[in-house]
Amino acid sequence: MSTYVYGIMAASHPSPPQGTAGVGERPVRVLKADELAAVVSDAPEELRPKRRDLLAHQNVLSEAGAEGCVLPMRFGSVAPDDATVTGVLTERAEHYTERLRALDGKVEYNVKAGHVEEAVLHRVMAENPDIRAQAEANRLAGGGSYDDRLRLGEMVAGAVKAREAEDGAQVVRALTPAAAAVSSGPESTGWLVNASFLVGREAAARFLDAAEQVRRDMPHLELRVNGPLPPYSFVEPGPSEPAASTAGADVGTG
């Protein structure tokens, strides 16, 4: 039977509470290899990202992480068997030990920011006299010709695009001082910022205060802060060789 892997921790780390159920309601257990251990369960035959199983994956990590640092695996990390998991722990011991040290006492906050359409349009109009002049000329001309309207639309679109880049950089600059590291996420439709911040638990209040200040300073933005989360974005993949199993290769990806 395949082995589902939730996270990697020190062998001395307390095990999750007895009876903790994982994905597919399978009992969670711990595999050890020298100084490292993996939190695992038997993998369900049909593994799909259903809400119940996503929550179970997160709950196992929360239970284990409450007692100290755990390197979180992405949902769906499956190895052929227990021996493969312990083999990966042994082969990549140096990497995982370094990551456990680096991430100890830290959590992740994911931040997404997007423009509030009406508010950003007002802003670019207020900031750009050429756009205001073109809009006024169109108004006086009863709406303006097709070319005039097209020109105004292009001017506004260009100004909004420039504002997106500016605002995105400003958000990241404002939040970075309260974080130990920053990781840019994949581009997402509708968001001008999708970034994850590695934050020490003792600095979490300062980070959240900085996010509130961004909301006050930039009311034309919608800012979403999700966390604290396990530091998924900061668990760098280990070496691809000699172990190439899902258990090792999927760490921190996806």
C-alpha atoms as a PDB file:
ATOM      1  CA  MET A   1       0.000   0.000   0.000  1.00  0.00           C
ATOM      2  CA  SER A   2       1.269   3.516  -0.836  1.00  0.00           C
ATOM      3  CA  THR A   3       2.311   5.871   1.940  1.00  0.00           C
ATOM      4  CA  TYR A   4       0.855   9.355   2.240  1.00  0.00           C
ATOM      5  CA  VAL A   5       3.337  11.884   3.653  1.00  0.00           C
ATOM      6  CA  TYR A   6       2.194  14.953   5.621  1.00  0.00           C
ATOM      7  CA  GLY A   7       5.450  16.412   6.883  1.00  0.00           C
ATOM      8  CA  ILE A   8       9.003  15.902   8.084  1.00  0.00           C
ATOM      9  CA  MET A   9      10.251  16.650  11.582  1.00  0.00           C
ATOM     10  CA  ALA A  10      13.020  15.810  14.025  1.00  0.00           C
ATOM     11  CA  ALA A  11      12.883  12.281  15.413  1.00  0.00           C
ATOM     12  CA  SER A  12      12.700  13.786  18.908  1.00  0.00           C
ATOM     13  CA  HIS A  13       9.561  15.756  17.980  1.00  0.00           C
ATOM     14  CA  PRO A  14       6.405  14.577  19.832  1.00  0.00           C
ATOM     15  CA  SER A  15       4.095  12.448  17.696  1.00  0.00           C
ATOM     16  CA  PRO A  16       0.614  13.730  16.801  1.00  0.00           C
ATOM     17  CA  PRO A  17      -2.034  12.766  19.382  1.00  0.00           C
ATOM     18  CA  GLN A  18      -3.041   9.131  19.281  1.00  0.00           C
ATOM     19  CA  GLY A  19      -6.125   8.626  17.151  1.00  0.00           C
ATOM     20  CA  THR A  20      -5.384  11.553  14.808  1.00  0.00           C
ATOM     21  CA  ALA A  21      -7.065  10.772  11.490  1.00  0.00           C
ATOM     22  CA  GLY A  22      -5.524  11.829   8.219  1.00  0.00           C
ATOM     23  CA  VAL A  23      -6.587  11.852   4.589  1.00  0.00           C
ATOM     24  CA  GLY A  24      -9.243   9.243   3.866  1.00  0.00           C
ATOM     25  CA  GLU A  25      -9.703   8.908   7.650  1.00  0.00           C
ATOM     26  CA  ARG A  26      -6.570   6.744   7.748  1.00  0.00           C
ATOM     27  CA  PRO A  27      -4.759   6.664  11.128  1.00  0.00           C
ATOM     28  CA  VAL A  28      -1.637   8.812  11.272  1.00  0.00           C
ATOM     29  CA  ARG A  29       1.691   7.285  12.303  1.00  0.00           C
ATOM     30  CA  VAL A  30       5.358   8.269  12.437  1.00  0.00           C
ATOM     31  CA  LEU A  31       8.302   6.776  10.522  1.00  0.00           C
ATOM     32  CA  LYS A  32      11.802   7.424  11.873  1.00  0.00           C
ATOM     33  CA  ALA A  33      15.218   7.346  10.227  1.00  0.00           C
ATOM     34  CA  ASP A  34      18.110   8.361  12.490  1.00  0.00           C
ATOM     35  CA  GLU A  35      17.549  11.998  13.521  1.00  0.00           C
ATOM     36  CA  LEU A  36      14.528  12.603  11.281  1.00  0.00           C
ATOM     37  CA  ALA A  37      10.932  11.408  11.153  1.00  0.00           C
ATOM     38  CA  ALA A  38       7.986  11.650   8.776  1.00  0.00           C
ATOM     39  CA  VAL A  39       4.317  11.945   9.694  1.00  0.00           C
ATOM     40  CA  VAL A  40       2.473   9.528   7.405  1.00  0.00           C
ATOM     41  CA  SER A  41      -0.589   7.359   6.922  1.00  0.00           C
ATOM     42  CA  ASP A  42      -1.672   4.743   4.433  1.00  0.00           C
ATOM     43  CA  ALA A  43      -2.740   6.485   1.232  1.00  0.00           C
ATOM     44  CA  PRO A  44      -6.361   6.172   0.099  1.00  0.00           C
ATOM     45  CA  GLU A  45      -6.842   4.239  -3.131  1.00  0.00           C
ATOM     46  CA  GLU A  46      -8.486   7.235  -4.800  1.00  0.00           C
ATOM     47  CA  LEU A  47      -6.844  10.450  -3.699  1.00  0.00           C
ATOM     48  CA  ARG A  48      -8.696  13.596  -4.721  1.00  0.00           C
ATOM     49  CA  PRO A  49      -8.558  17.141  -3.347  1.00  0.00           C
ATOM     50  CA  LYS A  50     -11.928  16.994  -1.621  1.00  0.00           C
ATOM     51  CA  ARG A  51     -12.570  19.586   1.068  1.00  0.00           C
ATOM     52  CA  ARG A  52     -12.732  16.931   3.798  1.00  0.00           C
ATOM     53  CA  ASP A  53      -9.329  15.512   2.865  1.00  0.00           C
ATOM     54  CA  LEU A  54      -7.729  18.934   2.386  1.00  0.00           C
ATOM     55  CA  LEU A  55      -8.867  19.844   5.898  1.00  0.00           C
ATOM     56  CA  ALA A  56      -7.597  16.523   7.254  1.00  0.00           C
ATOM     57  CA  HIS A  57      -4.173  17.161   5.712  1.00  0.00           C
ATOM     58  CA  GLN A  58      -4.085  20.615   7.273  1.00  0.00           C
ATOM     59  CA  ASN A  59      -5.272  19.304  10.644  1.00  0.00           C
ATOM     60  CA  VAL A  60      -2.488  16.713  10.825  1.00  0.00           C
ATOM     61  CA  LEU A  61       0.090  19.424  10.143  1.00  0.00           C
ATOM     62  CA  SER A  62      -1.519  21.709  12.729  1.00  0.00           C
ATOM     63  CA  GLU A  63      -1.477  18.974  15.378  1.00  0.00           C
ATOM     64  CA  ALA A  64       2.136  18.065  14.656  1.00  0.00           C
ATOM     65  CA  GLY A  65       3.258  21.691  14.256  1.00  0.00           C
ATOM     66  CA  ALA A  66       1.820  22.707  17.620  1.00  0.00           C
ATOM     67  CA  GLU A  67       4.791  21.000  19.287  1.00  0.00           C
ATOM     68  CA  GLY A  68       7.536  22.476  17.099  1.00  0.00           C
ATOM     69  CA  CYS A  69       8.797  22.816  13.550  1.00  0.00           C
ATOM     70  CA  VAL A  70       7.429  20.469  10.881  1.00  0.00           C
ATOM     71  CA  LEU A  71       8.350  20.735   7.197  1.00  0.00           C
ATOM     72  CA  PRO A  72       4.939  20.575   5.492  1.00  0.00           C
ATOM     73  CA  MET A  73       4.350  18.501   2.391  1.00  0.00           C
ATOM     74  CA  ARG A  74       1.863  19.594  -0.234  1.00  0.00           C
ATOM     75  CA  PHE A  75      -1.468  17.794  -0.382  1.00  0.00           C
ATOM     76  CA  GLY A  76      -1.121  14.624  -2.430  1.00  0.00           C
ATOM     77  CA  SER A  77       2.494  13.717  -1.576  1.00  0.00           C
ATOM     78  CA  VAL A  78       2.562   9.949  -1.881  1.00  0.00           C
ATOM     79  CA  ALA A  79       5.472   7.478  -1.798  1.00  0.00           C
ATOM     80  CA  PRO A  80       5.340   3.862  -2.976  1.00  0.00           C
ATOM     81  CA  ASP A  81       5.859   2.503   0.547  1.00  0.00           C
ATOM     82  CA  ASP A  82       7.293   3.209   4.006  1.00  0.00           C
ATOM     83  CA  ALA A  83      10.787   2.120   3.002  1.00  0.00           C
ATOM     84  CA  THR A  84      10.904   4.754   0.270  1.00  0.00           C
ATOM     85  CA  VAL A  85      10.039   7.456   2.798  1.00  0.00           C
ATOM     86  CA  THR A  86      12.723   6.422   5.289  1.00  0.00           C
ATOM     87  CA  GLY A  87      15.183   6.126   2.402  1.00  0.00           C
ATOM     88  CA  VAL A  88      14.488   9.709   1.365  1.00  0.00           C
ATOM     89  CA  LEU A  89      14.905  10.885   4.965  1.00  0.00           C
ATOM     90  CA  THR A  90      18.310   9.223   5.129  1.00  0.00           C
ATOM     91  CA  GLU A  91      19.512  10.421   1.724  1.00  0.00           C
ATOM     92  CA  ARG A  92      18.402  14.015   2.287  1.00  0.00           C
ATOM     93  CA  ALA A  93      19.083  14.254   5.990  1.00  0.00           C
ATOM     94  CA  GLU A  94      21.416  17.245   5.664  1.00  0.00           C
ATOM     95  CA  HIS A  95      18.927  19.244   3.625  1.00  0.00           C
ATOM     96  CA  TYR A  96      15.939  18.516   5.859  1.00  0.00           C
ATOM     97  CA  THR A  97      17.920  19.194   9.033  1.00  0.00           C
ATOM     98  CA  GLU A  98      19.007  22.590   7.682  1.00  0.00           C
ATOM     99  CA  ARG A  99      15.423  23.458   6.720  1.00  0.00           C
ATOM    100  CA  LEU A 100      14.108  22.483  10.146  1.00  0.00           C
ATOM    101  CA  ARG A 101      16.676  24.796  11.721  1.00  0.00           C
ATOM    102  CA  ALA A 102      15.901  27.669   9.355  1.00  0.00           C
ATOM    103  CA  LEU A 103      12.100  27.437   9.735  1.00  0.00           C
ATOM    104  CA  ASP A 104      11.921  26.766  13.455  1.00  0.00           C
ATOM    105  CA  GLY A 105       9.522  29.225  15.119  1.00  0.00           C
ATOM    106  CA  LYS A 106       8.321  30.661  11.798  1.00  0.00           C
ATOM    107  CA  VAL A 107       5.017  30.607   9.929  1.00  0.00           C
ATOM    108  CA  GLU A 108       3.824  31.697   6.521  1.00  0.00           C
ATOM    109  CA  TYR A 109       1.385  34.461   5.618  1.00  0.00           C
ATOM    110  CA  ASN A 110       0.089  34.573   2.061  1.00  0.00           C
ATOM    111  CA  VAL A 111      -0.855  38.035   0.842  1.00  0.00           C
ATOM    112  CA  LYS A 112      -2.932  38.818  -2.218  1.00  0.00           C
ATOM    113  CA  ALA A 113      -3.705  42.349  -3.356  1.00  0.00           C
ATOM    114  CA  GLY A 114      -5.887  43.594  -6.179  1.00  0.00           C
ATOM    115  CA  HIS A 115      -7.307  46.879  -7.361  1.00  0.00           C
ATOM    116  CA  VAL A 116     -10.814  47.993  -6.473  1.00  0.00           C
ATOM    117  CA  GLU A 117     -11.847  48.934 -10.013  1.00  0.00           C
ATOM    118  CA  GLU A 118     -13.820  52.122  -9.364  1.00  0.00           C
ATOM    119  CA  ALA A 119     -11.344  53.394  -6.776  1.00  0.00           C
ATOM    120  CA  VAL A 120      -8.277  52.872  -8.975  1.00  0.00           C
ATOM    121  CA  LEU A 121      -9.996  54.566 -11.926  1.00  0.00           C
ATOM    122  CA  HIS A 122     -10.659  57.625  -9.768  1.00  0.00           C
ATOM    123  CA  ARG A 123      -7.022  57.535  -8.671  1.00  0.00           C
ATOM    124  CA  VAL A 124      -5.487  57.403 -12.152  1.00  0.00           C
ATOM    125  CA  MET A 125      -7.845  60.157 -13.320  1.00  0.00           C
ATOM    126  CA  ALA A 126      -6.787  62.355 -10.397  1.00  0.00           C
ATOM    127  CA  GLU A 127      -3.088  61.683 -10.997  1.00  0.00           C
ATOM    128  CA  ASN A 128      -3.007  62.101 -14.784  1.00  0.00           C
ATOM    129  CA  PRO A 129      -3.848  65.508 -16.308  1.00  0.00           C
ATOM    130  CA  ASP A 130      -3.650  64.117 -19.873  1.00  0.00           C
ATOM    131  CA  ILE A 131      -6.369  61.574 -19.110  1.00  0.00           C
ATOM    132  CA  ARG A 132      -8.527  64.250 -17.489  1.00  0.00           C
ATOM    133  CA  ALA A 133      -8.062  66.525 -20.515  1.00  0.00           C
ATOM    134  CA  GLN A 134      -9.020  63.760 -22.954  1.00  0.00           C
ATOM    135  CA  ALA A 135     -12.054  62.806 -20.882  1.00  0.00           C
ATOM    136  CA  GLU A 136     -13.189  66.427 -20.734  1.00  0.00           C
ATOM    137  CA  ALA A 137     -12.684  66.870 -24.494  1.00  0.00           C
ATOM    138  CA  ASN A 138     -14.766  63.771 -25.152  1.00  0.00           C
ATOM    139  CA  ARG A 139     -17.476  65.045 -22.830  1.00  0.00           C
ATOM    140  CA  LEU A 140     -17.655  68.414 -24.559  1.00  0.00           C
ATOM    141  CA  ALA A 141     -17.827  66.637 -27.912  1.00  0.00           C
ATOM    142  CA  GLY A 142     -20.851  64.643 -26.812  1.00  0.00           C
ATOM    143  CA  GLY A 143     -18.810  61.562 -26.024  1.00  0.00           C
ATOM    144  CA  GLY A 144     -16.200  62.030 -28.740  1.00  0.00           C
ATOM    145  CA  SER A 145     -15.510  60.048 -31.878  1.00  0.00           C
ATOM    146  CA  TYR A 146     -14.731  56.337 -31.902  1.00  0.00           C
ATOM    147  CA  ASP A 147     -11.017  57.146 -32.131  1.00  0.00           C
ATOM    148  CA  ASP A 148     -11.299  59.609 -29.241  1.00  0.00           C
ATOM    149  CA  ARG A 149     -13.000  57.049 -27.050  1.00  0.00           C
ATOM    150  CA  LEU A 150     -10.451  54.414 -28.048  1.00  0.00           C
ATOM    151  CA  ARG A 151      -7.615  56.799 -27.217  1.00  0.00           C
ATOM    152  CA  LEU A 152      -9.088  57.521 -23.781  1.00  0.00           C
ATOM    153  CA  GLY A 153      -9.563  53.815 -23.092  1.00  0.00           C
ATOM    154  CA  GLU A 154      -5.952  53.088 -24.036  1.00  0.00           C
ATOM    155  CA  MET A 155      -4.692  55.919 -21.843  1.00  0.00           C
ATOM    156  CA  VAL A 156      -6.668  54.686 -18.857  1.00  0.00           C
ATOM    157  CA  ALA A 157      -5.610  51.054 -19.403  1.00  0.00           C
ATOM    158  CA  GLY A 158      -1.958  52.091 -19.628  1.00  0.00           C
ATOM    159  CA  ALA A 159      -2.180  54.165 -16.459  1.00  0.00           C
ATOM    160  CA  VAL A 160      -3.880  51.335 -14.557  1.00  0.00           C
ATOM    161  CA  LYS A 161      -1.214  48.876 -15.747  1.00  0.00           C
ATOM    162  CA  ALA A 162       1.551  51.180 -14.534  1.00  0.00           C
ATOM    163  CA  ARG A 163      -0.283  51.644 -11.235  1.00  0.00           C
ATOM    164  CA  GLU A 164      -0.517  47.850 -10.823  1.00  0.00           C
ATOM    165  CA  ALA A 165       3.258  47.463 -10.990  1.00  0.00           C
ATOM    166  CA  GLU A 166       3.807  50.430  -8.671  1.00  0.00           C
ATOM    167  CA  ASP A 167       1.234  49.323  -6.115  1.00  0.00           C
ATOM    168  CA  GLY A 168       2.415  45.727  -6.154  1.00  0.00           C
ATOM    169  CA  ALA A 169       5.975  46.760  -5.397  1.00  0.00           C
ATOM    170  CA  GLN A 170       4.786  49.128  -2.674  1.00  0.00           C
ATOM    171  CA  VAL A 171       2.792  46.394  -0.896  1.00  0.00           C
ATOM    172  CA  VAL A 172       5.768  44.034  -0.851  1.00  0.00           C
ATOM    173  CA  ARG A 173       8.106  46.827   0.332  1.00  0.00           C
ATOM    174  CA  ALA A 174       5.753  47.717   3.176  1.00  0.00           C
ATOM    175  CA  LEU A 175       5.483  44.142   4.471  1.00  0.00           C
ATOM    176  CA  THR A 176       9.027  42.891   3.931  1.00  0.00           C
ATOM    177  CA  PRO A 177      10.618  44.537   7.018  1.00  0.00           C
ATOM    178  CA  ALA A 178       8.438  42.397   9.304  1.00  0.00           C
ATOM    179  CA  ALA A 179       9.324  39.153   7.483  1.00  0.00           C
ATOM    180  CA  ALA A 180      12.354  36.878   7.472  1.00  0.00           C
ATOM    181  CA  ALA A 181      11.903  35.989   3.794  1.00  0.00           C
ATOM    182  CA  VAL A 182       9.548  36.581   0.857  1.00  0.00           C
ATOM    183  CA  SER A 183       8.496  34.148  -1.871  1.00  0.00           C
ATOM    184  CA  SER A 184       6.580  35.269  -4.963  1.00  0.00           C
ATOM    185  CA  GLY A 185       3.701  32.993  -5.887  1.00  0.00           C
ATOM    186  CA  PRO A 186       2.391  32.255  -9.374  1.00  0.00           C
ATOM    187  CA  GLU A 187       0.573  35.052 -11.172  1.00  0.00           C
ATOM    188  CA  SER A 188      -3.139  34.878 -10.472  1.00  0.00           C
ATOM    189  CA  THR A 189      -5.896  36.531 -12.481  1.00  0.00           C
ATOM    190  CA  GLY A 190      -7.259  39.589 -10.712  1.00  0.00           C
ATOM    191  CA  TRP A 191      -4.364  39.948  -8.263  1.00  0.00           C
ATOM    192  CA  LEU A 192      -1.414  42.286  -8.682  1.00  0.00           C
ATOM    193  CA  VAL A 193       0.347  40.723  -5.675  1.00  0.00           C
ATOM    194  CA  ASN A 194       0.507  37.051  -4.738  1.00  0.00           C
ATOM    195  CA  ALA A 195       3.350  36.656  -2.262  1.00  0.00           C
ATOM    196  CA  SER A 196       4.150  34.577   0.788  1.00  0.00           C
ATOM    197  CA  PHE A 197       6.019  35.975   3.773  1.00  0.00           C
ATOM    198  CA  LEU A 198       7.988  33.919   6.269  1.00  0.00           C
ATOM    199  CA  VAL A 199       7.342  35.473   9.666  1.00  0.00           C
ATOM    200  CA  GLY A 200       8.680  34.636  13.108  1.00  0.00           C
ATOM    201  CA  ARG A 201       5.869  33.903  15.528  1.00  0.00           C
ATOM    202  CA  GLU A 202       7.067  36.746  17.749  1.00  0.00           C
ATOM    203  CA  ALA A 203       6.868  39.143  14.766  1.00  0.00           C
ATOM    204  CA  ALA A 204       3.358  38.106  13.650  1.00  0.00           C
ATOM    205  CA  ALA A 205       1.614  41.044  15.356  1.00  0.00           C
ATOM    206  CA  ARG A 206       4.023  43.497  13.724  1.00  0.00           C
ATOM    207  CA  PHE A 207       3.435  41.905  10.319  1.00  0.00           C
ATOM    208  CA  LEU A 208      -0.360  42.090  10.695  1.00  0.00           C
ATOM    209  CA  ASP A 209      -0.088  45.710  11.856  1.00  0.00           C
ATOM    210  CA  ALA A 210       1.929  46.470   8.711  1.00  0.00           C
ATOM    211  CA  ALA A 211      -0.807  44.866   6.598  1.00  0.00           C
ATOM    212  CA  GLU A 212      -3.439  47.042   8.291  1.00  0.00           C
ATOM    213  CA  GLN A 213      -1.321  50.109   7.577  1.00  0.00           C
ATOM    214  CA  VAL A 214      -1.218  49.140   3.885  1.00  0.00           C
ATOM    215  CA  ARG A 215      -5.021  48.971   3.894  1.00  0.00           C
ATOM    216  CA  ARG A 216      -5.188  52.473   5.381  1.00  0.00           C
ATOM    217  CA  ASP A 217      -2.573  53.930   3.054  1.00  0.00           C
ATOM    218  CA  MET A 218      -3.899  52.281  -0.111  1.00  0.00           C
ATOM    219  CA  PRO A 219      -7.712  52.238   0.093  1.00  0.00           C
ATOM    220  CA  HIS A 220      -7.912  51.600  -3.662  1.00  0.00           C
ATOM    221  CA  LEU A 221      -6.617  48.064  -2.990  1.00  0.00           C
ATOM    222  CA  GLU A 222      -8.281  44.920  -1.742  1.00  0.00           C
ATOM    223  CA  LEU A 223      -5.751  43.196   0.524  1.00  0.00           C
ATOM    224  CA  ARG A 224      -6.221  39.603   1.688  1.00  0.00           C
ATOM    225  CA  VAL A 225      -3.945  38.062   4.317  1.00  0.00           C
ATOM    226  CA  ASN A 226      -4.159  34.309   4.904  1.00  0.00           C
ATOM    227  CA  GLY A 227      -2.291  32.791   7.840  1.00  0.00           C
ATOM    228  CA  PRO A 228      -0.610  31.740   9.912  1.00  0.00           C
ATOM    229  CA  LEU A 229       0.101  28.740   7.685  1.00  0.00           C
ATOM    230  CA  PRO A 230       2.758  26.049   7.666  1.00  0.00           C
ATOM    231  CA  PRO A 231       5.718  27.463   5.687  1.00  0.00           C
ATOM    232  CA  TYR A 232       4.944  25.623   2.425  1.00  0.00           C
ATOM    233  CA  SER A 233       6.615  28.230   0.225  1.00  0.00           C
ATOM    234  CA  PHE A 234       9.913  28.058   2.087  1.00  0.00           C
ATOM    235  CA  VAL A 235      10.551  24.317   2.220  1.00  0.00           C
ATOM    236  CA  GLU A 236      12.990  24.174  -0.665  1.00  0.00           C
ATOM    237  CA  PRO A 237      13.135  20.908  -2.611  1.00  0.00           C
ATOM    238  CA  GLY A 238      15.954  18.603  -1.711  1.00  0.00           C
ATOM    239  CA  PRO A 239      18.401  17.162  -4.285  1.00  0.00           C
ATOM    240  CA  SER A 240      16.648  15.327  -7.099  1.00  0.00           C
ATOM    241  CA  GLU A 241      19.203  12.538  -7.014  1.00  0.00           C
ATOM    242  CA  PRO A 242      19.555   9.806  -6.002  1.00  0.00           C
ATOM    243  CA  ALA A 243      16.031   9.800  -4.553  1.00  0.00           C
ATOM    244  CA  ALA A 244      13.348  10.830  -7.026  1.00  0.00           C
ATOM    245  CA  SER A 245      10.227   9.716  -5.189  1.00  0.00           C
ATOM    246  CA  THR A 246       7.174  11.881  -4.700  1.00  0.00           C
ATOM    247  CA  ALA A 247       7.961  11.984  -1.011  1.00  0.00           C
ATOM    248  CA  GLY A 248      11.041  14.081  -1.573  1.00  0.00           C
ATOM    249  CA  ALA A 249      10.463  15.777  -4.875  1.00  0.00           C
ATOM    250  CA  ASP A 250       7.147  17.387  -3.925  1.00  0.00           C
ATOM    251  CA  VAL A 251       8.353  19.152  -0.798  1.00  0.00           C
ATOM    252  CA  GLY A 252       7.576  22.839  -1.062  1.00  0.00           C
ATOM    253  CA  THR A 253       6.224  22.709  -4.591  1.00  0.00           C
ATOM    254  CA  GLY A 254       2.818  22.897  -6.164  1.00  0.00           C
END
